[in-house]
């Protein structure tokens, strides 16, 4: 048996033809849907990049205990478990965060790995002189990532030189070399279609983009202030890069056809999260609530044991389910600390995986959905958003070691049930990781009546039911006590009227929405 995972970063569900988009050129995603099961209720878990990848390895949520960081010494790692049971694991990727302090323990869990440099300001090519940059709509002055990205682009002028292309070239080479071998797992992971939206004319030309202003392919993580034609231009740029991703996906499927790999090879195609392209008046992700444009993700699975193809499933599933799915496929049991479940039963009979999906980012709103309602629980006192601590034995940030003033406040915390009798450092939360929760409160949405999440709902009975679902998941995840205090929730027992929060802070969220239709639903 063999398994292949194709993982994209920032892949928008709503931009894919199998999920209803009729204008993006992505025929291979349509082809994939006909060869696999399409999941309609897949949601993120912990966000963004490396928190999601910790979930991919461990099968359990990350975001209630810490933010961005490496795997912990006590973590179960799916590819390492496979390796220990004689299933060879190989990673090919251009995702530069694996090389930084905050992602430094992931790639080494595989038997072998290949990385391809150059994405999003990756510190790749050295150039002292300033790179040639066109006049841009968004100035990168003072931003080292922006400068480095323009250095790197000089070395990817053709599609063959692009790190996405090199990543898929390497994945196809592994498939070809090992087609006759058994018991292997290949993870092909590309940073695209993450910003900046840099691609080539063959993908740009089919789109009717008439924009002729200053160069613009990298929006900031901020509210949208651009003109409508500039917003449209970015959407076309994103779509073009997605079309490049679609071609890469098609290459994988072509080789699966040529080598008859469909007969014994599990195929998973997934992403870590989506991306806002002016919806809710925002670009990207990270500060605003995790609206469905970011949190509701695409997922396609072909399991050769079932033979189910060209069908859809409604079960609530998440990133935490992928590690158990891969282990089960190779005849291995998920570890006791894994909270996800294998997807095989969801594929065969659409059996529920869980009553609700929990998701969020460290220090911000804590979200839960039952598939119809989305409940975004904000802090009881948004302007304070306290207390909040991180628990880790790997004190690193995204691109740096944890700062000494924070480490100087560390204390030793008793083991969590999942830390395998190992205490952790308890550290005051980094202020930057809390900024989103400080500007938004609690929100409740009815996705059936309001799929665009424009009209926060006021319904005490539904909110109390969603709070109880949230409490059950917090407790199952061994959330630290201060999370309940921060969110204004009881650590024991059920919620009651004292814990209703939706009315209190709707005005904070509505201030950030655009347009006259953002009224509270009565």
Protein backbone atom coordinates (compact mmCIF):
# COMPACT_ATOMS: atom_id res chain seq x y z
CA UNK A 1 0.00 0.00 0.00
CA UNK A 2 1.12 3.53 -0.77
CA UNK A 3 -0.12 7.01 0.13
CA UNK A 4 0.31 10.45 -1.43
CA UNK A 5 -0.72 13.75 0.12
CA UNK A 6 -0.77 16.88 -2.03
CA UNK A 7 -0.96 19.85 0.31
CA UNK A 8 -1.43 23.45 -0.81
CA UNK A 9 -1.20 26.57 1.34
CA UNK A 10 -4.04 29.14 1.37
CA UNK A 11 -6.16 27.19 -1.11
CA UNK A 12 -9.61 28.76 -1.33
CA UNK A 13 -12.50 26.31 -1.34
CA UNK A 14 -14.84 28.82 -2.97
CA UNK A 15 -12.43 29.29 -5.91
CA UNK A 16 -12.55 25.61 -6.95
CA UNK A 17 -14.98 24.26 -9.57
CA UNK A 18 -15.99 21.22 -7.43
CA UNK A 19 -17.21 23.69 -4.81
CA UNK A 20 -19.22 25.79 -7.24
CA UNK A 21 -16.77 28.26 -8.81
CA UNK A 22 -17.47 28.76 -12.53
CA UNK A 23 -14.75 31.19 -13.59
CA UNK A 24 -11.38 29.88 -12.28
CA UNK A 25 -9.43 27.67 -14.70
CA UNK A 26 -8.90 24.53 -12.64
CA UNK A 27 -9.92 21.49 -14.71
CA UNK A 28 -7.74 19.09 -12.75
CA UNK A 29 -9.60 19.80 -9.53
CA UNK A 30 -12.77 18.84 -11.42
CA UNK A 31 -10.98 15.71 -12.62
CA UNK A 32 -9.89 14.99 -9.05
CA UNK A 33 -13.43 15.26 -7.71
CA UNK A 34 -14.53 12.61 -10.20
CA UNK A 35 -11.78 10.29 -8.96
CA UNK A 36 -12.29 10.84 -5.22
CA UNK A 37 -14.66 11.76 -2.41
CA UNK A 38 -15.23 15.50 -1.93
CA UNK A 39 -15.81 16.60 1.67
CA UNK A 40 -18.27 19.47 2.06
CA UNK A 41 -17.73 20.11 5.79
CA UNK A 42 -13.98 20.18 6.28
CA UNK A 43 -12.74 22.91 8.61
CA UNK A 44 -9.36 24.08 9.79
CA UNK A 45 -8.19 23.36 13.32
CA UNK A 46 -5.20 25.40 14.49
CA UNK A 47 -3.96 28.20 12.29
CA UNK A 48 -1.98 29.34 10.44
CA UNK A 49 0.91 27.42 8.80
CA UNK A 50 2.97 25.61 11.45
CA UNK A 51 0.14 25.20 13.99
CA UNK A 52 -1.76 23.41 11.20
CA UNK A 53 1.24 21.22 10.45
CA UNK A 54 1.60 20.28 14.09
CA UNK A 55 -1.97 19.02 13.84
CA UNK A 56 -1.09 17.12 10.68
CA UNK A 57 1.64 15.28 12.60
CA UNK A 58 -0.03 14.82 15.97
CA UNK A 59 -3.75 14.48 15.21
CA UNK A 60 -4.65 16.88 18.03
CA UNK A 61 -5.39 20.59 18.42
CA UNK A 62 -2.54 23.03 18.99
CA UNK A 63 -4.04 26.49 19.45
CA UNK A 64 -5.33 26.40 23.03
CA UNK A 65 -1.89 25.76 24.53
CA UNK A 66 0.53 27.68 22.35
CA UNK A 67 1.01 29.56 19.12
CA UNK A 68 3.43 29.03 16.25
CA UNK A 69 6.29 26.70 17.06
CA UNK A 70 8.11 23.41 16.45
CA UNK A 71 6.97 19.93 17.32
CA UNK A 72 7.33 19.22 21.03
CA UNK A 73 9.53 16.40 22.43
CA UNK A 74 6.37 14.68 23.71
CA UNK A 75 4.42 14.98 20.44
CA UNK A 76 3.38 11.95 18.40
CA UNK A 77 4.50 12.47 14.80
CA UNK A 78 2.60 10.59 12.12
CA UNK A 79 5.48 10.28 9.60
CA UNK A 80 7.85 9.18 12.35
CA UNK A 81 5.35 6.54 13.52
CA UNK A 82 5.07 5.30 9.94
CA UNK A 83 8.84 5.09 9.70
CA UNK A 84 9.05 3.15 12.96
CA UNK A 85 6.66 0.61 11.45
CA UNK A 86 8.62 0.19 8.20
CA UNK A 87 6.53 2.59 6.12
CA UNK A 88 8.95 4.91 4.33
CA UNK A 89 8.03 8.61 4.51
CA UNK A 90 9.32 11.29 2.15
CA UNK A 91 8.60 15.04 2.11
CA UNK A 92 9.10 17.37 -0.85
CA UNK A 93 8.26 21.01 -0.22
CA UNK A 94 8.97 24.65 -0.98
CA UNK A 95 7.32 25.80 2.27
CA UNK A 96 10.08 28.00 3.67
CA UNK A 97 8.76 28.06 7.25
CA UNK A 98 10.18 24.57 7.75
CA UNK A 99 13.65 26.13 7.71
CA UNK A 100 12.92 28.77 10.32
CA UNK A 101 13.17 28.53 14.10
CA UNK A 102 9.43 28.05 14.52
CA UNK A 103 9.24 25.06 12.16
CA UNK A 104 12.59 23.43 12.68
CA UNK A 105 11.54 19.99 13.93
CA UNK A 106 8.97 18.92 11.35
CA UNK A 107 10.88 17.90 8.23
CA UNK A 108 13.36 15.76 10.18
CA UNK A 109 10.57 13.40 11.26
CA UNK A 110 10.46 11.98 7.71
CA UNK A 111 12.84 9.31 6.43
CA UNK A 112 14.02 11.71 3.76
CA UNK A 113 13.12 15.17 2.55
CA UNK A 114 13.83 17.70 -0.19
CA UNK A 115 13.29 21.46 -0.05
CA UNK A 116 13.22 24.03 -2.81
CA UNK A 117 14.01 27.63 -2.04
CA UNK A 118 12.60 31.00 -2.95
CA UNK A 119 9.01 31.45 -1.76
CA UNK A 120 7.74 34.64 -0.06
CA UNK A 121 10.97 36.36 0.83
CA UNK A 122 12.80 33.17 1.79
CA UNK A 123 16.39 34.08 2.73
CA UNK A 124 17.73 32.31 -0.30
CA UNK A 125 19.88 34.23 -2.78
CA UNK A 126 22.42 36.72 -1.46
CA UNK A 127 22.60 40.14 -3.08
CA UNK A 128 24.03 43.25 -1.41
CA UNK A 129 22.86 45.71 -4.08
CA UNK A 130 19.19 46.67 -4.12
CA UNK A 131 17.17 44.52 -6.54
CA UNK A 132 15.42 46.10 -9.49
CA UNK A 133 11.79 46.64 -8.45
CA UNK A 134 8.99 48.20 -10.51
CA UNK A 135 6.92 51.02 -9.03
CA UNK A 136 4.51 49.25 -6.74
CA UNK A 137 1.10 50.00 -5.31
CA UNK A 138 2.27 48.76 -1.91
CA UNK A 139 5.71 49.96 -0.95
CA UNK A 140 7.98 47.37 0.59
CA UNK A 141 10.34 49.96 2.00
CA UNK A 142 11.79 48.69 5.23
CA UNK A 143 10.33 45.21 4.80
CA UNK A 144 13.16 42.69 4.41
CA UNK A 145 10.78 40.01 3.15
CA UNK A 146 9.68 42.27 0.30
CA UNK A 147 13.25 43.09 -0.69
CA UNK A 148 14.37 39.46 -0.50
CA UNK A 149 11.43 38.34 -2.59
CA UNK A 150 12.52 40.59 -5.41
CA UNK A 151 16.03 39.20 -5.17
CA UNK A 152 14.63 35.69 -5.38
CA UNK A 153 12.36 36.43 -8.35
CA UNK A 154 15.42 37.10 -10.49
CA UNK A 155 16.18 33.39 -10.17
CA UNK A 156 12.76 32.05 -11.14
CA UNK A 157 12.09 33.81 -14.42
CA UNK A 158 10.84 30.61 -16.07
CA UNK A 159 8.24 28.17 -14.81
CA UNK A 160 10.87 25.42 -14.64
CA UNK A 161 12.80 27.53 -12.14
CA UNK A 162 9.83 28.14 -9.85
CA UNK A 163 9.96 26.36 -6.48
CA UNK A 164 6.44 24.99 -6.97
CA UNK A 165 7.53 23.33 -10.22
CA UNK A 166 10.68 21.93 -8.63
CA UNK A 167 8.67 20.57 -5.71
CA UNK A 168 6.30 18.67 -7.98
CA UNK A 169 9.18 17.53 -10.19
CA UNK A 170 10.73 15.94 -7.11
CA UNK A 171 7.45 14.37 -6.06
CA UNK A 172 6.94 12.84 -9.49
CA UNK A 173 10.49 11.52 -9.44
CA UNK A 174 9.83 9.79 -6.12
CA UNK A 175 6.62 8.26 -7.50
CA UNK A 176 8.37 6.98 -10.59
CA UNK A 177 11.40 5.63 -8.74
CA UNK A 178 9.30 3.83 -6.13
CA UNK A 179 6.24 2.76 -8.12
CA UNK A 180 7.12 -0.92 -7.75
CA UNK A 181 8.01 -0.61 -4.06
CA UNK A 182 5.49 -1.01 -1.26
CA UNK A 183 4.77 0.75 2.05
CA UNK A 184 5.61 4.39 1.44
CA UNK A 185 4.06 7.78 2.12
CA UNK A 186 4.86 10.80 -0.05
CA UNK A 187 3.94 14.33 1.02
CA UNK A 188 4.07 16.86 -1.83
CA UNK A 189 3.61 20.25 -0.23
CA UNK A 190 3.73 23.59 -1.98
CA UNK A 191 3.49 27.07 -0.47
CA UNK A 192 1.26 28.19 -3.35
CA UNK A 193 -1.27 29.71 -3.86
CA UNK A 194 -0.11 31.69 -0.79
CA UNK A 195 0.82 35.29 -1.46
CA UNK A 196 2.73 36.85 -3.18
CA UNK A 197 0.77 35.83 -6.25
CA UNK A 198 3.72 35.43 -8.58
CA UNK A 199 3.17 33.29 -11.66
CA UNK A 200 3.61 33.28 -15.45
CA UNK A 201 1.83 34.59 -18.54
CA UNK A 202 0.40 31.20 -19.53
CA UNK A 203 -1.70 31.28 -16.35
CA UNK A 204 -2.40 35.02 -16.33
CA UNK A 205 -3.46 35.41 -19.96
CA UNK A 206 -6.77 33.46 -19.81
CA UNK A 207 -8.20 35.88 -17.24
CA UNK A 208 -9.79 39.17 -18.41
CA UNK A 209 -7.64 41.36 -16.18
CA UNK A 210 -7.50 44.89 -17.64
CA UNK A 211 -5.66 46.49 -14.71
CA UNK A 212 -2.80 48.74 -15.83
CA UNK A 213 -1.83 50.48 -12.60
CA UNK A 214 1.21 50.10 -10.39
CA UNK A 215 2.57 46.61 -9.73
CA UNK A 216 0.44 44.81 -7.16
CA UNK A 217 0.55 41.09 -6.33
CA UNK A 218 1.09 41.05 -2.56
CA UNK A 219 -1.69 42.50 -0.37
CA UNK A 220 -1.02 43.11 3.30
CA UNK A 221 -2.68 41.50 6.30
CA UNK A 222 -5.01 44.44 6.78
CA UNK A 223 -8.38 45.94 5.88
CA UNK A 224 -8.96 46.52 2.19
CA UNK A 225 -8.36 50.13 1.17
CA UNK A 226 -7.71 49.56 -2.53
CA UNK A 227 -9.93 50.60 -5.42
CA UNK A 228 -12.35 48.06 -6.95
CA UNK A 229 -10.13 47.58 -10.01
CA UNK A 230 -7.16 46.84 -7.75
CA UNK A 231 -9.17 44.30 -5.77
CA UNK A 232 -10.30 42.64 -9.00
CA UNK A 233 -6.68 42.53 -10.17
CA UNK A 234 -5.59 40.69 -7.02
CA UNK A 235 -8.39 38.17 -7.41
CA UNK A 236 -7.23 37.45 -10.95
CA UNK A 237 -3.63 37.14 -9.75
CA UNK A 238 -4.70 34.66 -7.11
CA UNK A 239 -6.76 32.73 -9.65
CA UNK A 240 -3.81 32.56 -12.04
CA UNK A 241 -1.55 31.13 -9.35
CA UNK A 242 -4.29 28.65 -8.46
CA UNK A 243 -4.37 27.62 -12.13
CA UNK A 244 -0.65 26.90 -11.88
CA UNK A 245 -1.37 24.76 -8.83
CA UNK A 246 -4.07 22.99 -10.81
CA UNK A 247 -1.57 22.07 -13.50
CA UNK A 248 0.80 20.67 -10.87
CA UNK A 249 -2.04 18.59 -9.42
CA UNK A 250 -2.79 17.30 -12.91
CA UNK A 251 0.80 16.16 -13.29
CA UNK A 252 0.45 14.01 -10.16
CA UNK A 253 -2.75 12.47 -11.46
CA UNK A 254 -1.15 11.82 -14.86
CA UNK A 255 1.66 9.83 -13.23
CA UNK A 256 -0.85 7.93 -11.11
CA UNK A 257 -2.58 7.00 -14.38
CA UNK A 258 0.65 6.02 -16.11
CA UNK A 259 1.91 3.87 -13.24
CA UNK A 260 -1.50 2.41 -12.28
CA UNK A 261 -1.11 3.78 -8.76
CA UNK A 262 -4.84 4.29 -8.25
CA UNK A 263 -5.16 0.58 -7.52
CA UNK A 264 -3.25 0.65 -4.22
CA UNK A 265 -2.47 4.28 -3.42
CA UNK A 266 -4.36 6.56 -1.04
CA UNK A 267 -4.54 10.14 -2.34
CA UNK A 268 -5.32 13.10 -0.08
CA UNK A 269 -5.51 16.65 -1.47
CA UNK A 270 -5.85 19.32 1.19
CA UNK A 271 -4.83 22.74 2.50
CA UNK A 272 -4.13 24.43 5.82
CA UNK A 273 -6.63 27.31 5.41
CA UNK A 274 -8.18 29.68 2.88
CA UNK A 275 -7.61 33.36 2.15
CA UNK A 276 -9.72 36.54 2.21
CA UNK A 277 -9.86 38.48 -1.06
CA UNK A 278 -11.91 41.50 0.11
CA UNK A 279 -14.67 39.45 1.76
CA UNK A 280 -15.63 41.12 5.06
CA UNK A 281 -13.44 44.04 3.98
CA UNK A 282 -10.16 42.20 4.63
CA UNK A 283 -7.14 40.77 2.92
CA UNK A 284 -5.55 37.47 3.92
CA UNK A 285 -5.98 36.16 7.46
CA UNK A 286 -4.75 36.46 11.00
CA UNK A 287 -6.36 39.52 12.64
CA UNK A 288 -10.03 39.33 11.67
CA UNK A 289 -12.28 36.48 12.83
CA UNK A 290 -11.75 33.18 11.06
CA UNK A 291 -14.68 33.54 8.70
CA UNK A 292 -15.59 30.59 6.50
CA UNK A 293 -13.64 32.00 3.56
CA UNK A 294 -10.57 31.06 5.61
CA UNK A 295 -11.84 28.34 7.97
CA UNK A 296 -14.00 26.18 5.65
CA UNK A 297 -11.53 24.27 3.51
CA UNK A 298 -11.48 21.86 0.55
CA UNK A 299 -10.64 18.19 1.04
CA UNK A 300 -10.51 15.35 -1.48
CA UNK A 301 -9.70 11.73 -0.61
CA UNK A 302 -9.33 8.64 -2.79
CA UNK A 303 -9.13 5.42 -0.77
CA UNK A 304 -8.48 2.42 -3.04
CA UNK A 305 -9.86 0.02 -0.42
CA UNK A 306 -13.35 1.50 -0.77
CA UNK A 307 -13.43 2.35 -4.47
CA UNK A 308 -15.75 5.29 -3.70
CA UNK A 309 -15.37 8.05 -6.26
CA UNK A 310 -17.30 11.03 -7.63
CA UNK A 311 -19.33 11.30 -4.41
CA UNK A 312 -19.68 13.92 -1.68
CA UNK A 313 -19.68 13.60 2.09
CA UNK A 314 -21.23 15.83 4.75
CA UNK A 315 -19.40 14.60 7.87
CA UNK A 316 -17.56 17.26 9.86
CA UNK A 317 -13.84 16.58 9.40
CA UNK A 318 -10.61 18.46 10.10
CA UNK A 319 -6.83 18.46 9.79
CA UNK A 320 -6.57 16.41 13.00
CA UNK A 321 -8.22 13.51 11.12
CA UNK A 322 -5.43 13.15 8.55
CA UNK A 323 -2.78 11.58 10.81
CA UNK A 324 -5.21 8.87 12.04
CA UNK A 325 -6.35 8.34 8.43
CA UNK A 326 -2.82 7.68 7.22
CA UNK A 327 -1.95 5.46 10.16
CA UNK A 328 -5.14 3.41 9.75
CA UNK A 329 -4.51 3.02 6.02
CA UNK A 330 -1.21 1.28 6.82
CA UNK A 331 -2.81 -0.90 9.49
CA UNK A 332 -1.70 1.17 12.50
CA UNK A 333 -3.81 2.43 15.38
CA UNK A 334 -3.93 6.16 16.15
CA UNK A 335 -2.07 6.93 19.36
CA UNK A 336 -4.07 7.55 22.58
CA UNK A 337 -3.27 11.27 22.40
CA UNK A 338 -4.68 11.72 18.89
CA UNK A 339 -8.09 13.40 18.84
CA UNK A 340 -8.79 12.90 15.15
CA UNK A 341 -10.45 9.86 13.62
CA UNK A 342 -9.72 7.92 10.41
CA UNK A 343 -11.78 9.02 7.41
CA UNK A 344 -12.45 5.53 5.99
CA UNK A 345 -15.85 5.21 7.71
CA UNK A 346 -16.74 8.73 6.63
CA UNK A 347 -15.95 7.71 3.04
CA UNK A 348 -17.89 4.44 3.12
CA UNK A 349 -21.04 5.59 4.89
CA UNK A 350 -20.65 9.28 5.75
CA UNK A 351 -20.52 8.42 9.45
CA UNK A 352 -20.10 11.49 11.72
CA UNK A 353 -16.57 12.08 12.92
CA UNK A 354 -17.71 14.37 15.76
CA UNK A 355 -20.62 16.58 16.75
CA UNK A 356 -18.67 19.76 16.09
CA UNK A 357 -15.38 21.12 14.83
CA UNK A 358 -13.19 23.24 17.10
CA UNK A 359 -10.84 25.77 15.49
CA UNK A 360 -8.95 28.99 16.01
CA UNK A 361 -5.61 30.67 16.43
CA UNK A 362 -3.79 31.11 19.71
CA UNK A 363 -5.06 34.00 21.84
CA UNK A 364 -7.95 34.97 19.57
CA UNK A 365 -11.55 33.83 19.32
CA UNK A 366 -12.22 30.15 19.99
CA UNK A 367 -14.59 28.82 17.35
CA UNK A 368 -16.91 25.85 17.03
CA UNK A 369 -19.31 24.74 14.31
CA UNK A 370 -21.88 21.98 14.07
CA UNK A 371 -22.08 22.43 10.29
CA UNK A 372 -24.99 24.86 10.40
CA UNK A 373 -24.08 27.33 13.13
CA UNK A 374 -20.69 28.92 13.70
CA UNK A 375 -19.98 30.25 17.17
CA UNK A 376 -16.96 32.52 17.62
CA UNK A 377 -16.31 33.01 21.32
CA UNK A 378 -14.32 36.11 22.10
CA UNK A 379 -12.71 37.09 25.39
CA UNK A 380 -14.94 38.29 28.20
CA UNK A 381 -13.02 41.58 28.28
CA UNK A 382 -11.76 42.13 24.70
CA UNK A 383 -9.51 45.09 25.52
CA UNK A 384 -7.63 42.94 28.04
CA UNK A 385 -7.90 39.39 26.62
CA UNK A 386 -6.34 37.92 29.73
CA UNK A 387 -5.17 35.72 31.33
CA UNK A 388 -3.28 33.92 28.59
CA UNK A 389 -0.18 31.70 28.69
CA UNK A 390 1.76 29.47 26.32
CA UNK A 391 2.91 25.98 27.29
CA UNK A 392 5.94 24.61 25.49
CA UNK A 393 9.35 22.98 25.76
CA UNK A 394 10.37 24.53 22.42
CA UNK A 395 10.41 28.30 23.13
CA UNK A 396 10.59 29.66 19.60
CA UNK A 397 8.64 32.13 17.51
CA UNK A 398 7.99 32.10 13.80
CA UNK A 399 11.40 33.39 12.71
CA UNK A 400 13.23 33.83 16.00
CA UNK A 401 14.02 32.33 19.35
CA UNK A 402 11.65 33.37 22.11
CA UNK A 403 12.67 36.72 23.60
CA UNK A 404 14.58 36.70 26.90
CA UNK A 405 12.13 38.95 28.84
CA UNK A 406 9.42 36.34 28.22
CA UNK A 407 11.68 33.44 29.15
CA UNK A 408 12.67 35.22 32.34
CA UNK A 409 9.03 34.98 33.46
CA UNK A 410 8.80 31.23 32.82
CA UNK A 411 7.58 28.79 35.42
CA UNK A 412 7.39 25.02 35.30
CA UNK A 413 3.87 23.73 34.74
CA UNK A 414 2.76 20.21 35.75
CA UNK A 415 2.30 17.73 32.89
CA UNK A 416 -0.78 17.84 30.72
CA UNK A 417 -2.43 14.49 29.99
CA UNK A 418 -0.95 14.60 26.47
CA UNK A 419 2.62 15.63 27.46
CA UNK A 420 3.52 12.11 28.58
CA UNK A 421 4.33 12.87 32.23
CA UNK A 422 6.55 15.77 31.13
CA UNK A 423 6.15 19.27 32.62
CA UNK A 424 6.25 22.25 30.30
CA UNK A 425 7.30 25.86 30.52
CA UNK A 426 4.44 28.24 31.27
CA UNK A 427 5.09 31.56 29.58
CA UNK A 428 3.12 34.82 29.35
CA UNK A 429 1.54 35.13 25.92
CA UNK A 430 3.24 37.23 23.29
CA UNK A 431 1.19 40.38 22.78
CA UNK A 432 1.27 40.20 18.97
CA UNK A 433 -0.50 36.85 19.03
CA UNK A 434 -3.49 38.39 20.87
CA UNK A 435 -4.21 41.42 18.71
CA UNK A 436 -7.16 39.90 16.84
CA UNK A 437 -9.16 39.04 19.94
CA UNK A 438 -8.73 42.57 21.26
CA UNK A 439 -10.78 44.12 18.43
CA UNK A 440 -13.54 41.53 18.03
CA UNK A 441 -16.00 40.01 20.46
CA UNK A 442 -18.34 37.04 20.30
CA UNK A 443 -20.26 36.20 17.12
CA UNK A 444 -22.91 33.64 16.18
CA UNK A 445 -23.86 32.86 12.57
CA UNK A 446 -26.49 30.68 10.90
CA UNK A 447 -24.79 29.36 7.77
CA UNK A 448 -28.05 28.12 6.26
CA UNK A 449 -29.71 31.53 6.38
CA UNK A 450 -26.52 33.61 6.14
CA UNK A 451 -23.75 31.69 4.31
CA UNK A 452 -21.75 34.88 3.82
CA UNK A 453 -21.65 35.50 7.60
CA UNK A 454 -22.80 39.10 7.21
CA UNK A 455 -25.57 39.08 9.82
CA UNK A 456 -24.56 38.04 13.36
CA UNK A 457 -27.41 36.15 14.98
CA UNK A 458 -28.96 36.85 18.39
CA UNK A 459 -30.51 33.68 19.78
CA UNK A 460 -29.92 32.76 23.42
CA UNK A 461 -31.01 29.14 23.08
CA UNK A 462 -28.72 28.45 20.11
CA UNK A 463 -25.84 30.29 21.75
CA UNK A 464 -26.15 28.26 24.95
CA UNK A 465 -26.20 25.05 22.94
CA UNK A 466 -23.08 26.10 21.05
CA UNK A 467 -21.38 27.12 24.31
CA UNK A 468 -21.99 23.64 25.72
CA UNK A 469 -20.52 22.09 22.58
CA UNK A 470 -17.53 24.39 22.93
CA UNK A 471 -17.11 23.51 26.61
CA UNK A 472 -17.17 19.80 25.84
CA UNK A 473 -14.41 20.25 23.28
CA UNK A 474 -12.33 22.51 25.53
CA UNK A 475 -12.45 19.89 28.25
CA UNK A 476 -11.64 17.05 25.88
CA UNK A 477 -8.64 19.06 24.69
CA UNK A 478 -7.39 19.62 28.26
CA UNK A 479 -7.57 23.39 27.81
CA UNK A 480 -5.65 25.22 30.57
CA UNK A 481 -7.80 26.87 33.28
CA UNK A 482 -7.09 30.43 32.20
CA UNK A 483 -8.70 29.83 28.80
CA UNK A 484 -12.06 29.43 30.55
CA UNK A 485 -11.44 32.60 32.55
CA UNK A 486 -10.34 34.53 29.44
CA UNK A 487 -13.47 33.45 27.58
CA UNK A 488 -15.81 33.98 30.53
CA UNK A 489 -16.87 30.33 30.65
CA UNK A 490 -17.28 27.82 33.50
CA UNK A 491 -14.52 25.26 33.81
CA UNK A 492 -17.05 22.78 35.23
CA UNK A 493 -20.75 22.25 34.53
CA UNK A 494 -22.99 23.82 31.89
CA UNK A 495 -23.34 27.38 30.68
CA UNK A 496 -26.33 29.52 31.61
CA UNK A 497 -27.56 33.06 30.97
CA UNK A 498 -24.57 34.53 32.78
CA UNK A 499 -22.33 33.22 30.02
CA UNK A 500 -24.18 34.70 27.04
CA UNK A 501 -21.85 37.04 25.18
CA UNK A 502 -23.15 37.49 21.64
CA UNK A 503 -25.06 40.72 22.29
CA UNK A 504 -22.26 42.42 24.15
CA UNK A 505 -19.69 42.76 21.41
CA UNK A 506 -21.45 42.57 18.05
CA UNK A 507 -20.87 46.27 17.54
CA UNK A 508 -17.08 45.74 17.60
CA UNK A 509 -17.22 43.29 14.72
CA UNK A 510 -19.76 45.29 12.76
CA UNK A 511 -17.54 48.36 12.83
CA UNK A 512 -15.03 46.41 10.71
CA UNK A 513 -17.63 45.22 8.19
CA UNK A 514 -18.31 47.12 4.98
CA UNK A 515 -21.63 47.96 3.39
CA UNK A 516 -25.15 48.82 4.55
CA UNK A 517 -26.37 45.20 4.72
CA UNK A 518 -24.41 44.27 7.82
CA UNK A 519 -27.29 44.40 10.25
CA UNK A 520 -27.83 42.17 13.24
CA UNK A 521 -30.42 39.50 12.44
CA UNK A 522 -33.41 39.64 14.78
